[in-house]
Amino acid sequence: MHAVPINHFLILAAILFGLGVVGVVSRRNAIVIFMSIELMLNAVNLTFISFSNYLNDIEGQIFVFMVMVVAAAEVAVGLAIIVAIFRLRETVHVDDIKLLKW
C-alpha cells in the first residue's frame, strides 16, 4: 500500500485556507463570509488530522473535535444574528449593515 505524503495534505489545506481568505476579503454577503470562515476552519482541521496521522498521535484529532464544537456554536450564533439583521434591515450585505455606527 502506498501512503500519501503529508506534503499533499498540507498543500491542499493551504489552498483551502487561501480560498477561504479570498472569500472573506472579497465578498460582501454575510452568508458567503460565514461559509468562507468555515472553509478556513476545515483547512485547519485537515492540517491537524494530517499531523496527527504523521506523528501517530491522537491529540490532533482531539483538537479537531474542539474546533468542530466551536465552529458549530459560531454558526448557530452567527446565523441567528444574520437572521435578526435580515429581519430588521432586509439585507445581508455587509456594506449595507451599519448597526454600530451613529
N, C-alpha and C. Protein backbone atom coordinates (compact mmCIF):
# COMPACT_ATOMS: atom_id res chain seq x y z
N MET A 1 0.84 -1.18 0.00
CA MET A 1 0.00 0.00 0.00
C MET A 1 0.88 1.23 0.00
N HIS A 2 0.56 2.17 -0.87
CA HIS A 2 1.35 3.39 -1.00
C HIS A 2 0.69 4.52 -0.20
N ALA A 3 1.42 5.08 0.75
CA ALA A 3 0.88 6.14 1.59
C ALA A 3 1.07 7.50 0.91
N VAL A 4 0.10 8.35 1.07
CA VAL A 4 0.18 9.69 0.52
C VAL A 4 1.04 10.54 1.45
N PRO A 5 2.03 11.25 0.90
CA PRO A 5 2.89 12.07 1.78
C PRO A 5 2.12 13.22 2.42
N ILE A 6 2.63 13.67 3.56
CA ILE A 6 1.96 14.74 4.30
C ILE A 6 1.99 16.05 3.51
N ASN A 7 2.95 16.20 2.61
CA ASN A 7 3.05 17.44 1.82
C ASN A 7 1.78 17.69 1.02
N HIS A 8 1.20 16.63 0.48
CA HIS A 8 -0.01 16.80 -0.33
C HIS A 8 -1.18 17.32 0.52
N PHE A 9 -1.30 16.79 1.70
CA PHE A 9 -2.37 17.25 2.60
C PHE A 9 -2.16 18.70 3.02
N LEU A 10 -0.91 19.06 3.30
CA LEU A 10 -0.62 20.42 3.73
C LEU A 10 -0.82 21.43 2.59
N ILE A 11 -0.47 21.02 1.37
CA ILE A 11 -0.70 21.90 0.22
C ILE A 11 -2.20 22.09 0.00
N LEU A 12 -2.96 20.99 0.09
CA LEU A 12 -4.41 21.10 -0.04
C LEU A 12 -5.01 22.00 1.05
N ALA A 13 -4.53 21.85 2.28
CA ALA A 13 -5.02 22.70 3.38
C ALA A 13 -4.67 24.16 3.13
N ALA A 14 -3.47 24.42 2.61
CA ALA A 14 -3.09 25.81 2.31
C ALA A 14 -3.96 26.40 1.20
N ILE A 15 -4.27 25.60 0.20
CA ILE A 15 -5.15 26.08 -0.88
C ILE A 15 -6.55 26.37 -0.35
N LEU A 16 -7.08 25.47 0.47
CA LEU A 16 -8.41 25.69 1.05
C LEU A 16 -8.43 26.92 1.94
N PHE A 17 -7.38 27.09 2.74
CA PHE A 17 -7.31 28.26 3.61
C PHE A 17 -7.22 29.54 2.79
N GLY A 18 -6.43 29.50 1.72
CA GLY A 18 -6.32 30.67 0.84
C GLY A 18 -7.63 31.02 0.18
N LEU A 19 -8.37 30.00 -0.26
CA LEU A 19 -9.70 30.25 -0.84
C LEU A 19 -10.64 30.86 0.19
N GLY A 20 -10.54 30.41 1.43
CA GLY A 20 -11.37 30.99 2.49
C GLY A 20 -11.02 32.44 2.75
N VAL A 21 -9.73 32.76 2.75
CA VAL A 21 -9.31 34.15 2.96
C VAL A 21 -9.80 35.03 1.82
N VAL A 22 -9.67 34.54 0.59
CA VAL A 22 -10.16 35.30 -0.56
C VAL A 22 -11.66 35.53 -0.45
N GLY A 23 -12.40 34.51 -0.01
CA GLY A 23 -13.84 34.66 0.16
C GLY A 23 -14.21 35.67 1.22
N VAL A 24 -13.48 35.71 2.31
CA VAL A 24 -13.77 36.67 3.38
C VAL A 24 -13.44 38.09 2.93
N VAL A 25 -12.33 38.25 2.24
CA VAL A 25 -11.88 39.59 1.86
C VAL A 25 -12.69 40.15 0.70
N SER A 26 -13.05 39.31 -0.26
CA SER A 26 -13.64 39.84 -1.49
C SER A 26 -15.17 39.89 -1.49
N ARG A 27 -15.82 39.10 -0.69
CA ARG A 27 -17.28 39.05 -0.75
C ARG A 27 -17.92 40.01 0.24
N ARG A 28 -19.14 40.42 -0.06
CA ARG A 28 -19.87 41.34 0.80
C ARG A 28 -21.13 40.73 1.37
N ASN A 29 -21.40 39.47 1.06
CA ASN A 29 -22.58 38.78 1.57
C ASN A 29 -22.19 38.07 2.87
N ALA A 30 -22.96 38.28 3.92
CA ALA A 30 -22.62 37.72 5.23
C ALA A 30 -22.64 36.19 5.22
N ILE A 31 -23.55 35.59 4.46
CA ILE A 31 -23.62 34.13 4.39
C ILE A 31 -22.37 33.57 3.73
N VAL A 32 -21.90 34.19 2.66
CA VAL A 32 -20.69 33.73 1.98
C VAL A 32 -19.47 33.92 2.87
N ILE A 33 -19.45 34.98 3.65
CA ILE A 33 -18.34 35.20 4.58
C ILE A 33 -18.32 34.10 5.63
N PHE A 34 -19.47 33.73 6.15
CA PHE A 34 -19.52 32.63 7.12
C PHE A 34 -19.07 31.31 6.49
N MET A 35 -19.47 31.05 5.26
CA MET A 35 -19.04 29.82 4.59
C MET A 35 -17.53 29.84 4.36
N SER A 36 -16.96 31.00 4.07
CA SER A 36 -15.52 31.11 3.88
C SER A 36 -14.77 30.88 5.19
N ILE A 37 -15.33 31.37 6.28
CA ILE A 37 -14.72 31.11 7.59
C ILE A 37 -14.76 29.63 7.91
N GLU A 38 -15.85 28.96 7.58
CA GLU A 38 -15.95 27.52 7.79
C GLU A 38 -14.94 26.77 6.92
N LEU A 39 -14.71 27.24 5.71
CA LEU A 39 -13.71 26.63 4.84
C LEU A 39 -12.31 26.77 5.44
N MET A 40 -12.02 27.92 6.03
CA MET A 40 -10.74 28.12 6.69
C MET A 40 -10.59 27.20 7.90
N LEU A 41 -11.66 27.05 8.68
CA LEU A 41 -11.60 26.14 9.82
C LEU A 41 -11.40 24.69 9.38
N ASN A 42 -12.02 24.30 8.28
CA ASN A 42 -11.82 22.94 7.77
C ASN A 42 -10.41 22.73 7.26
N ALA A 43 -9.79 23.77 6.71
CA ALA A 43 -8.40 23.66 6.29
C ALA A 43 -7.49 23.44 7.50
N VAL A 44 -7.78 24.13 8.58
CA VAL A 44 -7.01 23.92 9.81
C VAL A 44 -7.25 22.52 10.35
N ASN A 45 -8.49 22.04 10.27
CA ASN A 45 -8.79 20.67 10.71
C ASN A 45 -8.01 19.65 9.88
N LEU A 46 -7.91 19.87 8.58
CA LEU A 46 -7.14 18.97 7.73
C LEU A 46 -5.67 18.95 8.14
N THR A 47 -5.15 20.11 8.50
CA THR A 47 -3.76 20.18 8.96
C THR A 47 -3.58 19.42 10.27
N PHE A 48 -4.51 19.61 11.21
CA PHE A 48 -4.43 18.88 12.47
C PHE A 48 -4.47 17.37 12.24
N ILE A 49 -5.38 16.90 11.40
CA ILE A 49 -5.51 15.48 11.14
C ILE A 49 -4.26 14.94 10.43
N SER A 50 -3.70 15.73 9.52
CA SER A 50 -2.50 15.30 8.80
C SER A 50 -1.34 15.10 9.75
N PHE A 51 -1.12 16.08 10.62
CA PHE A 51 -0.02 15.94 11.57
C PHE A 51 -0.30 14.85 12.61
N SER A 52 -1.56 14.68 12.97
CA SER A 52 -1.92 13.63 13.90
C SER A 52 -1.61 12.25 13.31
N ASN A 53 -1.93 12.08 12.04
CA ASN A 53 -1.64 10.82 11.37
C ASN A 53 -0.13 10.64 11.18
N TYR A 54 0.56 11.70 10.83
CA TYR A 54 2.00 11.63 10.58
C TYR A 54 2.77 11.29 11.86
N LEU A 55 2.35 11.87 12.97
CA LEU A 55 3.06 11.67 14.24
C LEU A 55 2.51 10.50 15.06
N ASN A 56 1.49 9.82 14.53
CA ASN A 56 0.83 8.72 15.25
C ASN A 56 0.39 9.15 16.66
N ASP A 57 -0.27 10.29 16.70
CA ASP A 57 -0.71 10.87 17.97
C ASP A 57 -2.18 11.24 17.83
N ILE A 58 -2.92 11.14 18.91
CA ILE A 58 -4.36 11.40 18.86
C ILE A 58 -4.70 12.85 19.22
N GLU A 59 -3.74 13.62 19.66
CA GLU A 59 -4.03 14.99 20.10
C GLU A 59 -4.59 15.86 18.97
N GLY A 60 -4.12 15.67 17.75
CA GLY A 60 -4.65 16.43 16.63
C GLY A 60 -6.12 16.16 16.40
N GLN A 61 -6.53 14.92 16.59
CA GLN A 61 -7.94 14.59 16.42
C GLN A 61 -8.79 15.19 17.54
N ILE A 62 -8.23 15.30 18.72
CA ILE A 62 -8.93 15.95 19.82
C ILE A 62 -9.11 17.44 19.53
N PHE A 63 -8.07 18.06 18.98
CA PHE A 63 -8.17 19.48 18.60
C PHE A 63 -9.23 19.67 17.52
N VAL A 64 -9.30 18.74 16.56
CA VAL A 64 -10.31 18.84 15.51
C VAL A 64 -11.70 18.77 16.11
N PHE A 65 -11.90 17.89 17.06
CA PHE A 65 -13.20 17.80 17.73
C PHE A 65 -13.55 19.13 18.40
N MET A 66 -12.58 19.74 19.07
CA MET A 66 -12.84 21.02 19.75
C MET A 66 -13.13 22.13 18.73
N VAL A 67 -12.40 22.15 17.63
CA VAL A 67 -12.64 23.16 16.59
C VAL A 67 -14.03 22.98 15.99
N MET A 68 -14.46 21.74 15.80
CA MET A 68 -15.79 21.50 15.26
C MET A 68 -16.88 21.94 16.22
N VAL A 69 -16.66 21.76 17.52
CA VAL A 69 -17.64 22.21 18.51
C VAL A 69 -17.74 23.73 18.50
N VAL A 70 -16.60 24.40 18.47
CA VAL A 70 -16.61 25.87 18.43
C VAL A 70 -17.22 26.37 17.13
N ALA A 71 -16.93 25.70 16.02
CA ALA A 71 -17.49 26.12 14.73
C ALA A 71 -19.00 25.95 14.71
N ALA A 72 -19.51 24.88 15.32
CA ALA A 72 -20.96 24.68 15.37
C ALA A 72 -21.63 25.77 16.19
N ALA A 73 -21.01 26.14 17.30
CA ALA A 73 -21.56 27.21 18.12
C ALA A 73 -21.50 28.54 17.38
N GLU A 74 -20.40 28.76 16.66
CA GLU A 74 -20.25 30.00 15.89
C GLU A 74 -21.31 30.10 14.80
N VAL A 75 -21.58 28.99 14.14
CA VAL A 75 -22.60 29.00 13.09
C VAL A 75 -23.98 29.25 13.67
N ALA A 76 -24.29 28.62 14.79
CA ALA A 76 -25.61 28.81 15.40
C ALA A 76 -25.83 30.26 15.81
N VAL A 77 -24.86 30.84 16.48
CA VAL A 77 -24.99 32.24 16.93
C VAL A 77 -24.93 33.19 15.74
N GLY A 78 -23.99 32.93 14.82
CA GLY A 78 -23.83 33.81 13.67
C GLY A 78 -25.06 33.84 12.78
N LEU A 79 -25.62 32.68 12.50
CA LEU A 79 -26.82 32.65 11.66
C LEU A 79 -28.01 33.28 12.37
N ALA A 80 -28.11 33.13 13.67
CA ALA A 80 -29.19 33.81 14.41
C ALA A 80 -29.04 35.33 14.30
N ILE A 81 -27.82 35.81 14.39
CA ILE A 81 -27.59 37.26 14.26
C ILE A 81 -27.91 37.71 12.84
N ILE A 82 -27.51 36.93 11.84
CA ILE A 82 -27.79 37.30 10.45
C ILE A 82 -29.29 37.32 10.18
N VAL A 83 -30.02 36.35 10.71
CA VAL A 83 -31.47 36.33 10.52
C VAL A 83 -32.11 37.54 11.20
N ALA A 84 -31.64 37.89 12.38
CA ALA A 84 -32.19 39.07 13.07
C ALA A 84 -31.89 40.35 12.31
N ILE A 85 -30.69 40.46 11.78
CA ILE A 85 -30.34 41.65 10.99
C ILE A 85 -31.13 41.69 9.69
N PHE A 86 -31.34 40.52 9.06
CA PHE A 86 -32.12 40.49 7.84
C PHE A 86 -33.56 40.91 8.08
N ARG A 87 -34.13 40.50 9.21
CA ARG A 87 -35.50 40.92 9.53
C ARG A 87 -35.58 42.42 9.79
N LEU A 88 -34.51 42.99 10.34
CA LEU A 88 -34.50 44.41 10.65
C LEU A 88 -34.19 45.26 9.43
N ARG A 89 -33.18 44.89 8.66
CA ARG A 89 -32.70 45.71 7.54
C ARG A 89 -33.07 45.18 6.17
N GLU A 90 -33.54 43.93 6.08
CA GLU A 90 -33.90 43.27 4.83
C GLU A 90 -32.73 43.17 3.86
N THR A 91 -31.53 42.98 4.38
CA THR A 91 -30.34 42.75 3.56
C THR A 91 -29.32 41.97 4.37
N VAL A 92 -28.48 41.22 3.65
CA VAL A 92 -27.38 40.51 4.30
C VAL A 92 -26.03 40.99 3.76
N HIS A 93 -26.04 42.09 3.01
CA HIS A 93 -24.79 42.65 2.50
C HIS A 93 -24.11 43.43 3.60
N VAL A 94 -22.84 43.15 3.81
CA VAL A 94 -22.10 43.73 4.92
C VAL A 94 -21.97 45.24 4.77
N ASP A 95 -21.88 45.74 3.55
CA ASP A 95 -21.75 47.19 3.35
C ASP A 95 -23.00 47.94 3.75
N ASP A 96 -24.17 47.31 3.62
CA ASP A 96 -25.44 47.97 3.94
C ASP A 96 -25.79 47.91 5.42
N ILE A 97 -25.12 47.05 6.16
CA ILE A 97 -25.42 46.88 7.58
C ILE A 97 -24.49 47.78 8.38
N LYS A 98 -25.05 48.80 8.98
CA LYS A 98 -24.27 49.74 9.78
C LYS A 98 -24.96 49.93 11.13
N LEU A 99 -25.13 48.85 11.85
CA LEU A 99 -25.87 48.90 13.10
C LEU A 99 -25.08 49.60 14.20
N LEU A 100 -23.76 49.51 14.20
CA LEU A 100 -22.97 50.08 15.28
C LEU A 100 -22.51 51.50 15.00
N LYS A 101 -22.84 52.04 13.83
CA LYS A 101 -22.46 53.43 13.52
C LYS A 101 -23.54 54.37 14.03
N TRP A 102 -23.15 55.59 14.31
CA TRP A 102 -24.10 56.60 14.80
C TRP A 102 -24.96 57.07 13.70
